[in-house]
Each structure stands twice: as structure tokens, then as C-alpha cells.
């Protein structure tokens, strides 16, 4: 900005722009240049102010942009970011001195390190808890948008690691199993068990479908045939021959995190309530309390294992243990269920997630609370 002002000053001193017989022309030119410089300064300060406001009202240093603005525009367009999200992403990259945003976006682990630093900055610099929750909501909304917009990995890159949870489908019956061994075209899983916990015997040559999710939360499935049972270090295993390439499942909208967290839930019923002269439908929470364990969770839903009888379609108020000072409370609906040993696994879609609950679940899912 200093070099620009000096150059303009010298430029204006040239005789052909500063004539003695027409001082009005010189004044008009000076006013126009001054206006341009003022507008440039105001716009620059405005951009800095908007970026700093993301992390809080304290003085937060932001590195100069080390990448082309057209690169950011291309990224924003490909991920479907709105204007505010694009500015927030620019702040994340600039505050972490990122020079190659496209490379960072292709590496979720590195991207999360940058987002985690911004998360810490927001926690540190926000003046109130309400202010922090609002800023974190914007940060996690951006991170989820990027997660949903990321292209799904190729089926050839899908790898089955040991202890990967999977679903074995046999004649429309689903059995939760774990992968014990995966070598080439042969996969060994746990022997499936029915609702009573009894091993299910599958004849050699039985056609099955094995569905699983990779560490990057992308889902795949493949068709296979049972080739027999073998002994493993973990006990009896079902050997399956892969009959073709893995096919991608529908990509989940939100990242999901495996956990084993206690929870309690209450049935929520729709009741007609008279208010004045009107009769309206209102959700009423039942007082009966049931216990369960959350097996996995995202901001879009969770799965809960319980021994309580719960019908598909039931609405539930779910209270999840989070820390000593806060418990996550959400409203959900059971969309399907599977028998598992002596209990039932409920697959629940969240219907209402308060702002603080959204931020707490996102913090857990992306691992930003880890030291």
C-alpha cells in the first residue's frame, strides 16, 4: 500500500497532469485517487475483520494468503460452499499458513489438524459460551459440508482390515460380524449368530453379501460364497470367497464414530393438547427410563444396543453421557433394528439436535477434544 501511494504521488507531479492554467482538473484527479485508496484500505480492513471474527474478538494473527484466490473459488464451487463458508475456509487456511489447499483437502487427517487448531482458537478467544457455541457451529457445519462433498474413494482402494465391523447378509437376514482375516480374495469373519446367540450354520457354497465401512467412513459391499469354517486365533471363523469387486454403498452424509458410551432413553409420544380454543399435536416425553449403550454416533444419528422392546418408528428422547458437566440430549426416531445376541441394536435418525449437542457430537466424531 505504501509503494502504491508513493507511485501515485510521483505520478501526479508530472507536468502534464498538473497544469497551472487548470488547477480544477488536478483537484478532481487528487480526490478520485484519494477515494480509490480509501476504498481499498476499507475493503482490506473489512476482510481482515471478518476473518478474525471467526476465532473471537481478541487480536488473532492471520498469515498472508499463500495460495491463489482463484484456487479458493474453485474449491468453494466444487464443495458447494456458500460465501460465508468460503471466508471461513480461507481463514482456516491462512491462520495455518497453508500454501496448497487442494492437497490438504485430499488428506482428511491433515485437514482435521488445521480445523482442530481453529477449534482451539475459538475456545480460547470467545468471550462467552454462547459466542463460542455459535462460532463452533459454523466451523463444524463447514467441516461436515466438506466431508459430504468429498469424492468417494475408488472401490479398488477399499481394504478390509482385521477387526473391521461388517454386516453379513444371508437371504435378507443381517448378522453383525467382525472381519478376522482378509487376504486377497479370501475373507474370514466371525461365525454369525442368531437372536438367541446360537451360531448360524451356512452350507458350503451359500451366497452372501458382506458390507463394511473403511476408516475414512466410506461404505462398500461385495458378493461372496461360503467356502467353509476354519479355526483362527479368535475362535471359529467363516471363510468367504470374494466373487467380484467391492461396490460403493451410498455415502453417509456425516462422519460416524464408533464408541461405547452409556445412555438412557425415553419414549416420546404424539398427543392432542388443548391450548385455548385450539387442539394441537404435541410431543410428550414418557417418564419411563430405559438404558442402553451407544455403539456409534454422528450428528445425523446413532446406533444403540438395548434389551428394551422398541418398535421401528418409535420416537425417543436420548440422553448420552458426555462428560461430568454436560450430557448430550437429542430427539430421534428408530428407522430399523437388528437382533444382536441377547439384545437389539436400534438404528436411530436424529430429528432434533440442539446447537450445543451438535458441537459436542462433532467434537467427539472428529477427535478435536483429544490432546
Protein backbone atom coordinates (compact mmCIF):
# COMPACT_ATOMS: atom_id res chain seq x y z
CA UNK A 1 0.00 0.00 0.00
CA UNK A 2 2.95 2.36 0.79
CA UNK A 3 4.58 1.69 -2.59
CA UNK A 4 1.25 2.34 -4.32
CA UNK A 5 0.80 5.73 -2.61
CA UNK A 6 4.38 6.82 -3.41
CA UNK A 7 3.96 5.82 -7.04
CA UNK A 8 0.70 7.72 -7.34
CA UNK A 9 2.28 10.78 -5.69
CA UNK A 10 5.14 10.89 -8.17
CA UNK A 11 2.72 10.21 -11.00
CA UNK A 12 0.61 13.22 -10.08
CA UNK A 13 3.62 15.54 -10.01
CA UNK A 14 4.18 15.15 -13.72
CA UNK A 15 3.60 18.46 -15.60
CA UNK A 16 1.06 17.03 -17.99
CA UNK A 17 -1.31 16.22 -15.13
CA UNK A 18 -0.69 19.33 -13.03
CA UNK A 19 -1.12 22.33 -15.27
CA UNK A 20 -1.02 25.87 -13.86
CA UNK A 21 -3.81 27.06 -16.12
CA UNK A 22 -6.30 24.35 -14.97
CA UNK A 23 -5.99 23.68 -11.19
CA UNK A 24 -9.55 22.27 -11.02
CA UNK A 25 -8.55 19.24 -13.13
CA UNK A 26 -5.73 18.45 -10.71
CA UNK A 27 -8.01 18.71 -7.69
CA UNK A 28 -10.58 16.36 -9.25
CA UNK A 29 -7.85 13.82 -10.04
CA UNK A 30 -6.48 14.05 -6.49
CA UNK A 31 -9.94 13.49 -5.00
CA UNK A 32 -10.56 10.47 -7.25
CA UNK A 33 -7.24 8.84 -6.35
CA UNK A 34 -7.79 9.51 -2.64
CA UNK A 35 -11.23 7.89 -2.88
CA UNK A 36 -9.78 4.79 -4.57
CA UNK A 37 -7.08 4.42 -1.91
CA UNK A 38 -9.64 4.86 0.90
CA UNK A 39 -11.94 2.21 -0.58
CA UNK A 40 -9.01 -0.22 -0.95
CA UNK A 41 -7.96 0.31 2.69
CA UNK A 42 -11.53 -0.13 3.99
CA UNK A 43 -12.05 -3.34 1.98
CA UNK A 44 -8.73 -4.75 3.22
CA UNK A 45 -9.56 -3.99 6.85
CA UNK A 46 -13.05 -5.42 6.38
CA UNK A 47 -11.68 -8.71 5.06
CA UNK A 48 -9.26 -8.97 7.99
CA UNK A 49 -12.02 -8.16 10.44
CA UNK A 50 -14.35 -10.85 9.09
CA UNK A 51 -11.60 -13.44 9.19
CA UNK A 52 -10.54 -12.55 12.74
CA UNK A 53 -14.15 -12.56 13.96
CA UNK A 54 -14.32 -16.30 13.32
CA UNK A 55 -11.90 -17.04 16.13
CA UNK A 56 -13.07 -14.42 18.61
CA UNK A 57 -12.72 -10.78 19.45
CA UNK A 58 -9.13 -10.94 20.68
CA UNK A 59 -6.24 -9.99 18.45
CA UNK A 60 -5.56 -13.10 16.39
CA UNK A 61 -2.72 -13.09 13.87
CA UNK A 62 -3.66 -14.29 10.40
CA UNK A 63 -0.94 -15.21 7.92
CA UNK A 64 -0.91 -13.60 4.48
CA UNK A 65 -2.68 -15.67 1.85
CA UNK A 66 -0.18 -18.11 0.35
CA UNK A 67 -2.50 -19.50 -2.29
CA UNK A 68 -4.30 -18.09 -5.31
CA UNK A 69 -7.76 -16.71 -4.62
CA UNK A 70 -8.98 -18.47 -7.77
CA UNK A 71 -7.99 -21.78 -6.16
CA UNK A 72 -10.22 -20.99 -3.18
CA UNK A 73 -13.09 -20.05 -5.50
CA UNK A 74 -12.69 -23.33 -7.39
CA UNK A 75 -12.69 -25.31 -4.12
CA UNK A 76 -15.75 -23.45 -2.82
CA UNK A 77 -17.64 -24.17 -6.02
CA UNK A 78 -16.75 -27.88 -6.12
CA UNK A 79 -17.82 -28.43 -2.49
CA UNK A 80 -20.92 -26.26 -2.74
CA UNK A 81 -19.78 -23.75 -0.10
CA UNK A 82 -21.71 -20.55 0.39
CA UNK A 83 -19.99 -17.17 0.71
CA UNK A 84 -19.68 -17.27 4.50
CA UNK A 85 -18.28 -20.82 4.45
CA UNK A 86 -15.73 -19.84 1.79
CA UNK A 87 -14.50 -16.97 4.00
CA UNK A 88 -14.28 -19.27 6.99
CA UNK A 89 -12.29 -21.85 5.00
CA UNK A 90 -9.93 -19.09 3.86
CA UNK A 91 -9.43 -18.11 7.50
CA UNK A 92 -8.61 -21.72 8.47
CA UNK A 93 -6.04 -21.98 5.68
CA UNK A 94 -4.49 -18.56 6.27
CA UNK A 95 -4.23 -18.94 10.05
CA UNK A 96 -2.39 -22.24 9.47
CA UNK A 97 -0.18 -20.85 6.68
CA UNK A 98 -1.49 -23.37 4.12
CA UNK A 99 0.03 -22.93 0.66
CA UNK A 100 -1.64 -25.83 -1.17
CA UNK A 101 -5.33 -26.09 -0.11
CA UNK A 102 -6.21 -28.75 -2.70
CA UNK A 103 -3.55 -31.11 -1.35
CA UNK A 104 -4.75 -30.56 2.22
CA UNK A 105 -8.37 -31.31 1.27
CA UNK A 106 -7.32 -34.69 -0.14
CA UNK A 107 -5.85 -35.68 3.23
CA UNK A 108 -8.62 -35.71 5.91
CA UNK A 109 -6.13 -36.29 8.76
CA UNK A 110 -4.08 -33.20 7.87
CA UNK A 111 -7.22 -31.16 7.21
CA UNK A 112 -8.52 -32.06 10.68
CA UNK A 113 -5.26 -30.89 12.26
CA UNK A 114 -5.84 -27.43 10.78
CA UNK A 115 -9.50 -27.40 11.80
CA UNK A 116 -8.56 -28.55 15.29
CA UNK A 117 -6.20 -25.57 15.71
CA UNK A 118 -9.02 -23.24 14.69
CA UNK A 119 -11.31 -25.07 17.12
CA UNK A 120 -8.81 -24.42 19.94
CA UNK A 121 -8.53 -20.76 18.93
CA UNK A 122 -12.30 -20.32 19.05
CA UNK A 123 -12.46 -21.93 22.50
CA UNK A 124 -9.68 -19.65 23.76
CA UNK A 125 -10.78 -16.34 22.26
CA UNK A 126 -14.58 -16.40 22.53
CA UNK A 127 -15.89 -14.00 25.14
CA UNK A 128 -18.89 -16.11 26.23
CA UNK A 129 -20.00 -19.72 25.96
CA UNK A 130 -22.89 -18.68 23.70
CA UNK A 131 -20.44 -16.88 21.41
CA UNK A 132 -18.19 -19.96 21.33
CA UNK A 133 -21.08 -22.32 20.53
CA UNK A 134 -22.21 -20.12 17.62
CA UNK A 135 -18.71 -19.98 16.12
CA UNK A 136 -18.15 -23.72 16.60
CA UNK A 137 -21.48 -24.42 14.91
CA UNK A 138 -20.24 -22.58 11.80
CA UNK A 139 -16.87 -24.37 11.92
CA UNK A 140 -18.39 -27.85 12.21
CA UNK A 141 -21.05 -27.09 9.60
CA UNK A 142 -18.23 -26.24 7.19
CA UNK A 143 -16.29 -29.39 8.12
CA UNK A 144 -19.37 -31.57 7.58
CA UNK A 145 -20.06 -29.92 4.23
CA UNK A 146 -16.51 -30.72 3.10
CA UNK A 147 -16.89 -34.27 4.41
CA UNK A 148 -20.11 -34.80 2.48
CA UNK A 149 -18.73 -33.24 -0.69
CA UNK A 150 -15.53 -35.25 -0.79
CA UNK A 151 -15.47 -37.74 -3.64
CA UNK A 152 -15.79 -41.34 -2.53
CA UNK A 153 -12.64 -43.41 -2.73
CA UNK A 154 -12.39 -45.94 -5.54
CA UNK A 155 -13.61 -49.46 -4.89
CA UNK A 156 -10.17 -50.82 -5.70
CA UNK A 157 -8.77 -48.82 -2.77
CA UNK A 158 -11.25 -50.33 -0.31
CA UNK A 159 -9.36 -52.53 2.12
CA UNK A 160 -10.71 -54.81 4.78
CA UNK A 161 -8.61 -54.59 7.92
CA UNK A 162 -8.77 -57.03 10.83
CA UNK A 163 -11.46 -56.25 13.42
CA UNK A 164 -13.45 -54.20 10.90
CA UNK A 165 -17.17 -54.35 11.85
CA UNK A 166 -19.30 -55.66 8.99
CA UNK A 167 -22.79 -56.87 8.17
CA UNK A 168 -23.23 -60.34 6.67
CA UNK A 169 -26.44 -60.64 4.66
CA UNK A 170 -27.86 -64.11 4.05
CA UNK A 171 -31.30 -64.44 2.41
CA UNK A 172 -32.30 -60.93 3.58
CA UNK A 173 -31.21 -61.68 7.15
CA UNK A 174 -28.48 -59.40 8.51
CA UNK A 175 -25.88 -60.52 11.03
CA UNK A 176 -23.30 -58.17 12.62
CA UNK A 177 -19.83 -59.75 12.45
CA UNK A 178 -16.18 -58.72 12.60
CA UNK A 179 -13.53 -59.43 9.99
CA UNK A 180 -10.87 -61.74 11.41
CA UNK A 181 -8.61 -62.22 8.37
CA UNK A 182 -8.52 -60.62 4.91
CA UNK A 183 -6.07 -61.96 2.34
CA UNK A 184 -6.54 -61.47 -1.37
CA UNK A 185 -9.92 -62.84 -2.46
CA UNK A 186 -10.49 -64.72 0.82
CA UNK A 187 -12.08 -63.15 3.88
CA UNK A 188 -12.66 -64.79 7.26
CA UNK A 189 -15.33 -63.35 9.55
CA UNK A 190 -16.81 -64.34 12.85
CA UNK A 191 -19.42 -67.08 12.60
CA UNK A 192 -22.81 -65.26 12.55
CA UNK A 193 -25.17 -65.83 15.46
CA UNK A 194 -28.96 -65.65 15.64
CA UNK A 195 -31.07 -63.71 18.16
CA UNK A 196 -30.51 -66.40 20.81
CA UNK A 197 -26.74 -66.26 20.36
CA UNK A 198 -26.59 -69.64 18.64
CA UNK A 199 -24.09 -69.95 15.73
CA UNK A 200 -25.78 -69.97 12.33
CA UNK A 201 -24.64 -72.86 10.11
CA UNK A 202 -24.21 -71.85 6.50
CA UNK A 203 -23.71 -74.65 3.94
CA UNK A 204 -20.67 -74.53 1.70
CA UNK A 205 -21.50 -72.60 -1.46
CA UNK A 206 -24.06 -70.30 0.22
CA UNK A 207 -24.26 -66.88 -1.41
CA UNK A 208 -23.72 -63.97 0.97
CA UNK A 209 -23.16 -60.20 0.87
CA UNK A 210 -20.56 -58.59 3.13
CA UNK A 211 -20.95 -54.84 3.80
CA UNK A 212 -18.40 -52.72 5.65
CA UNK A 213 -17.08 -49.21 6.19
CA UNK A 214 -13.45 -48.15 5.80
CA UNK A 215 -11.57 -45.89 8.23
CA UNK A 216 -12.50 -42.89 6.08
CA UNK A 217 -16.20 -43.73 6.65
CA UNK A 218 -16.83 -44.83 3.05
CA UNK A 219 -19.08 -47.88 2.69
CA UNK A 220 -18.61 -50.88 0.39
CA UNK A 221 -20.07 -54.32 -0.17
CA UNK A 222 -19.20 -57.41 -2.20
CA UNK A 223 -20.88 -60.66 -3.14
CA UNK A 224 -19.25 -63.84 -1.89
CA UNK A 225 -19.62 -67.56 -1.37
CA UNK A 226 -19.11 -69.54 1.81
CA UNK A 227 -16.18 -71.94 1.39
CA UNK A 228 -16.33 -73.43 4.90
CA UNK A 229 -15.33 -72.78 8.51
CA UNK A 230 -11.78 -72.68 9.83
CA UNK A 231 -10.06 -72.24 13.18
CA UNK A 232 -8.49 -68.86 13.96
CA UNK A 233 -6.73 -67.28 16.92
CA UNK A 234 -10.11 -65.73 17.78
CA UNK A 235 -12.10 -68.96 17.55
CA UNK A 236 -14.11 -70.48 14.68
CA UNK A 237 -14.29 -68.34 11.55
CA UNK A 238 -16.46 -68.32 8.44
CA UNK A 239 -14.41 -68.34 5.27
CA UNK A 240 -15.83 -66.37 2.34
CA UNK A 241 -14.55 -66.19 -1.22
CA UNK A 242 -14.95 -62.76 -2.83
CA UNK A 243 -16.86 -63.22 -6.11
CA UNK A 244 -16.24 -59.75 -7.54
CA UNK A 245 -15.11 -56.18 -6.97
CA UNK A 246 -16.31 -54.16 -4.00
CA UNK A 247 -19.17 -51.82 -4.79
CA UNK A 248 -19.58 -48.47 -3.02
CA UNK A 249 -22.59 -48.07 -0.77
CA UNK A 250 -24.43 -44.78 -0.52
CA UNK A 251 -22.01 -42.41 1.18
CA UNK A 252 -23.03 -41.28 4.62
CA UNK A 253 -23.73 -37.58 4.89
CA UNK A 254 -21.91 -37.23 8.20
CA UNK A 255 -18.80 -38.88 9.60
CA UNK A 256 -19.60 -41.57 12.16
CA UNK A 257 -17.54 -42.51 15.21
CA UNK A 258 -17.51 -45.88 16.95
CA UNK A 259 -17.91 -45.62 20.69
CA UNK A 260 -19.17 -47.49 23.72
CA UNK A 261 -21.00 -44.88 25.74
CA UNK A 262 -23.82 -45.36 28.21
CA UNK A 263 -27.12 -43.67 27.52
CA UNK A 264 -30.71 -43.60 28.66
CA UNK A 265 -33.78 -43.01 26.55
CA UNK A 266 -37.46 -42.21 26.93
CA UNK A 267 -40.35 -42.81 24.57
CA UNK A 268 -41.81 -39.65 23.02
CA UNK A 269 -45.48 -39.80 22.05
CA UNK A 270 -47.66 -37.53 19.97
CA UNK A 271 -50.66 -36.33 21.95
CA UNK A 272 -53.50 -33.92 21.31
CA UNK A 273 -53.31 -30.99 23.70
CA UNK A 274 -55.94 -28.25 24.10
CA UNK A 275 -54.45 -24.76 24.23
CA UNK A 276 -57.14 -22.11 24.48
CA UNK A 277 -59.64 -22.81 21.71
CA UNK A 278 -57.23 -24.85 19.63
CA UNK A 279 -56.33 -28.52 19.74
CA UNK A 280 -52.75 -29.13 18.65
CA UNK A 281 -50.47 -32.16 18.39
CA UNK A 282 -47.63 -32.04 20.86
CA UNK A 283 -44.67 -34.33 21.62
CA UNK A 284 -44.82 -35.59 25.20
CA UNK A 285 -41.94 -37.43 26.90
CA UNK A 286 -42.87 -40.61 28.78
CA UNK A 287 -41.48 -40.86 32.32
CA UNK A 288 -40.29 -44.45 31.93
CA UNK A 289 -36.49 -44.67 31.59
CA UNK A 290 -34.62 -47.32 29.58
CA UNK A 291 -30.88 -47.99 29.44
CA UNK A 292 -28.60 -48.72 26.53
CA UNK A 293 -25.13 -48.29 25.04
CA UNK A 294 -24.30 -46.08 22.05
CA UNK A 295 -22.22 -48.14 19.57
CA UNK A 296 -21.60 -45.37 17.03
CA UNK A 297 -22.71 -41.79 16.53
CA UNK A 298 -22.77 -38.88 14.08
CA UNK A 299 -24.62 -35.57 14.04
CA UNK A 300 -27.22 -37.32 11.88
CA UNK A 301 -27.92 -40.34 14.06
CA UNK A 302 -26.58 -43.20 16.18
CA UNK A 303 -26.99 -46.88 16.95
CA UNK A 304 -27.95 -48.03 20.43
CA UNK A 305 -27.81 -51.54 21.87
CA UNK A 306 -30.51 -52.26 24.43
CA UNK A 307 -32.58 -55.08 25.90
CA UNK A 308 -35.72 -52.91 25.96
CA UNK A 309 -38.51 -53.73 23.46
CA UNK A 310 -38.59 -50.84 20.96
CA UNK A 311 -40.63 -50.79 17.76
CA UNK A 312 -39.36 -49.38 14.47
CA UNK A 313 -40.77 -45.88 14.03
CA UNK A 314 -40.69 -45.05 17.75
CA UNK A 315 -39.61 -41.54 18.71
CA UNK A 316 -37.06 -41.38 21.51
CA UNK A 317 -35.50 -38.73 23.72
CA UNK A 318 -31.90 -39.93 24.05
CA UNK A 319 -29.57 -38.70 26.81
CA UNK A 320 -25.91 -39.65 26.22
CA UNK A 321 -23.13 -39.47 28.81
CA UNK A 322 -20.54 -36.96 27.55
CA UNK A 323 -18.59 -35.55 30.48
CA UNK A 324 -19.10 -34.66 34.12
CA UNK A 325 -20.62 -31.26 33.33
CA UNK A 326 -22.74 -32.00 30.25
CA UNK A 327 -24.93 -34.74 28.80
CA UNK A 328 -25.92 -34.76 25.13
CA UNK A 329 -29.71 -34.74 24.67
CA UNK A 330 -31.30 -35.30 21.25
CA UNK A 331 -34.62 -36.34 19.74
CA UNK A 332 -34.50 -39.34 17.39
CA UNK A 333 -36.60 -41.91 15.58
CA UNK A 334 -35.86 -45.63 15.14
CA UNK A 335 -35.58 -46.39 11.42
CA UNK A 336 -34.59 -50.08 11.73
CA UNK A 337 -33.39 -52.65 14.27
CA UNK A 338 -31.27 -55.80 14.31
CA UNK A 339 -31.10 -58.59 16.84
CA UNK A 340 -27.62 -58.97 18.35
CA UNK A 341 -27.01 -61.70 20.91
CA UNK A 342 -29.31 -61.10 23.87
CA UNK A 343 -30.18 -57.54 22.85
CA UNK A 344 -31.29 -55.38 19.97
CA UNK A 345 -29.37 -52.73 18.04
CA UNK A 346 -31.53 -49.71 17.26
CA UNK A 347 -30.53 -47.58 14.27
CA UNK A 348 -31.73 -44.07 15.04
CA UNK A 349 -32.08 -40.96 12.90
CA UNK A 350 -31.89 -37.69 14.79
CA UNK A 351 -34.90 -35.41 14.36
CA UNK A 352 -33.71 -32.53 16.55
CA UNK A 353 -30.14 -31.75 17.61
CA UNK A 354 -29.64 -28.59 19.73
CA UNK A 355 -26.66 -26.39 18.90
CA UNK A 356 -24.52 -27.44 21.86
CA UNK A 357 -25.30 -31.12 21.23
CA UNK A 358 -24.33 -30.68 17.55
CA UNK A 359 -20.98 -29.18 18.57
CA UNK A 360 -20.33 -31.83 21.25
CA UNK A 361 -21.07 -34.71 18.86
CA UNK A 362 -18.91 -33.12 16.15
CA UNK A 363 -16.05 -32.63 18.60
CA UNK A 364 -16.24 -36.32 19.51
CA UNK A 365 -16.58 -37.55 15.91
CA UNK A 366 -13.68 -35.52 14.51
CA UNK A 367 -11.48 -36.07 17.58
CA UNK A 368 -10.93 -32.38 18.35
CA UNK A 369 -11.23 -32.93 22.09
CA UNK A 370 -8.18 -35.23 22.08
CA UNK A 371 -4.96 -33.76 23.39
